[in-house]
Amino acid sequence: MSWAAYCNLPSATSACIAGMDGTAWGVKGDWKMSKEEGAKIAKPSMGSMLSVGGVKYMIVNKSGDVFFGVKGDYALVVLALTKCYLAAIGPKGKQGALIDEIGKFAASLKQGGY
């Protein structure tokens, strides 16, 4: 499976799998971020502001290992693993689906030691 396949979350308009240093391994849609933005996304925390392509999302919640941020009508979900992370943007109304989908895609990465 290619890295980009891990970004194929049905509810996401854009998504990314990246190394903890912020280097994108694969993307879906119009995902744009600098390496510096990517490195910050790798370490989410409650109340923090994370940027993707210059758009800032405020991290407002956590469900299991998945952090959830908002900006207007859009949501950012981030699941950091040991060697990489998955992040996705989609409609705020689909946050539950985004959280479920990112968790399922991350399960096989966890088993592989990522």
Protein backbone atom coordinates (compact mmCIF):
# COMPACT_ATOMS: atom_id res chain seq x y z
CA MET A 1 0.00 0.00 0.00
CA SER A 2 1.32 3.46 -0.87
CA TRP A 3 1.61 6.17 1.79
CA ALA A 4 -1.04 8.22 -0.02
CA ALA A 5 -3.51 5.33 0.45
CA TYR A 6 -3.42 6.00 4.21
CA CYS A 7 -4.85 9.45 3.45
CA ASN A 8 -7.90 8.17 1.59
CA LEU A 9 -10.34 8.97 4.39
CA PRO A 10 -13.85 9.09 2.87
CA SER A 11 -15.04 12.01 5.04
CA ALA A 12 -11.92 14.13 4.52
CA THR A 13 -11.58 16.82 1.89
CA SER A 14 -7.80 16.68 2.37
CA ALA A 15 -5.44 14.57 4.46
CA CYS A 16 -1.78 13.81 5.09
CA ILE A 17 0.52 11.17 6.50
CA ALA A 18 3.83 12.63 7.60
CA GLY A 19 6.93 11.89 9.59
CA MET A 20 7.33 13.43 13.02
CA ASP A 21 9.73 15.97 11.49
CA GLY A 22 6.87 17.32 9.35
CA THR A 23 7.90 15.76 6.04
CA ALA A 24 4.79 14.67 4.13
CA TRP A 25 4.86 11.04 2.98
CA GLY A 26 1.52 11.10 1.19
CA VAL A 27 -1.45 13.44 0.77
CA LYS A 28 -5.08 13.53 -0.32
CA GLY A 29 -6.68 16.50 -2.01
CA ASP A 30 -5.33 20.00 -1.64
CA TRP A 31 -3.28 19.40 1.53
CA LYS A 32 -0.60 22.07 1.77
CA MET A 33 1.72 22.60 4.71
CA SER A 34 5.24 23.73 5.31
CA LYS A 35 7.67 21.38 7.04
CA GLU A 36 7.53 23.69 10.07
CA GLU A 37 3.73 23.46 10.19
CA GLY A 38 4.00 19.70 9.83
CA ALA A 39 6.42 19.39 12.75
CA LYS A 40 3.97 21.31 14.99
CA ILE A 41 1.04 19.17 13.86
CA ALA A 42 3.02 16.11 15.02
CA LYS A 43 2.72 17.33 18.63
CA PRO A 44 -0.87 18.48 19.18
CA SER A 45 -2.11 19.60 22.58
CA MET A 46 -5.38 20.90 23.96
CA GLY A 47 -5.84 24.61 23.33
CA SER A 48 -2.98 24.86 20.86
CA MET A 49 -3.24 26.48 17.44
CA LEU A 50 -2.11 24.35 14.48
CA SER A 51 -1.69 25.71 10.97
CA VAL A 52 -2.22 23.88 7.71
CA GLY A 53 -1.32 25.94 4.67
CA GLY A 54 -1.56 29.10 6.75
CA VAL A 55 -5.07 28.32 8.06
CA LYS A 56 -5.08 28.09 11.88
CA TYR A 57 -7.16 25.49 13.70
CA MET A 58 -7.68 25.58 17.46
CA ILE A 59 -7.41 22.17 19.15
CA VAL A 60 -10.54 21.97 21.30
CA ASN A 61 -11.07 18.29 22.10
CA LYS A 62 -9.53 14.85 22.27
CA SER A 63 -11.20 11.50 21.63
CA GLY A 64 -8.92 8.61 22.59
CA ASP A 65 -5.64 9.36 20.83
CA VAL A 66 -7.23 11.70 18.25
CA PHE A 67 -7.05 15.47 18.68
CA PHE A 68 -9.78 17.60 17.14
CA GLY A 69 -9.53 21.24 16.06
CA VAL A 70 -11.90 23.69 14.39
CA LYS A 71 -11.81 26.69 12.08
CA GLY A 72 -15.21 27.92 10.94
CA ASP A 73 -17.14 25.07 9.35
CA TYR A 74 -14.09 22.79 9.07
CA ALA A 75 -12.44 20.34 11.42
CA LEU A 76 -8.85 19.14 11.70
CA VAL A 77 -8.21 15.72 13.23
CA VAL A 78 -4.72 14.53 14.16
CA LEU A 79 -3.53 11.14 15.38
CA ALA A 80 0.16 11.02 16.24
CA LEU A 81 1.89 7.65 16.34
CA THR A 82 5.52 6.87 17.20
CA LYS A 83 7.18 7.53 13.81
CA CYS A 84 4.45 9.38 11.92
CA TYR A 85 1.06 10.99 12.17
CA LEU A 86 -2.17 11.12 10.22
CA ALA A 87 -4.06 14.39 9.87
CA ALA A 88 -7.24 15.23 7.97
CA ILE A 89 -9.51 18.18 7.28
CA GLY A 90 -13.21 17.84 6.58
CA PRO A 91 -16.61 19.36 7.33
CA LYS A 92 -17.12 20.02 11.04
CA GLY A 93 -20.38 18.06 10.90
CA LYS A 94 -18.43 14.92 9.98
CA GLN A 95 -15.98 15.10 12.89
CA GLY A 96 -17.16 11.78 14.33
CA ALA A 97 -16.64 10.00 11.01
CA LEU A 98 -13.21 11.63 10.59
CA ILE A 99 -12.15 10.46 14.06
CA ASP A 100 -13.34 6.89 13.38
CA GLU A 101 -11.72 6.76 9.94
CA ILE A 102 -8.36 8.10 11.06
CA GLY A 103 -8.32 5.57 13.91
CA LYS A 104 -8.97 2.67 11.53
CA PHE A 105 -6.24 3.75 9.12
CA ALA A 106 -3.81 4.20 12.01
CA ALA A 107 -4.44 0.72 13.43
CA SER A 108 -2.38 -1.06 10.78
CA LEU A 109 0.39 1.55 11.11
CA LYS A 110 0.53 0.93 14.88
CA GLN A 111 0.83 -2.82 14.27
CA GLY A 112 3.71 -2.13 11.88
CA GLY A 113 5.59 -0.14 14.53
CA TYR A 114 4.90 3.27 13.07
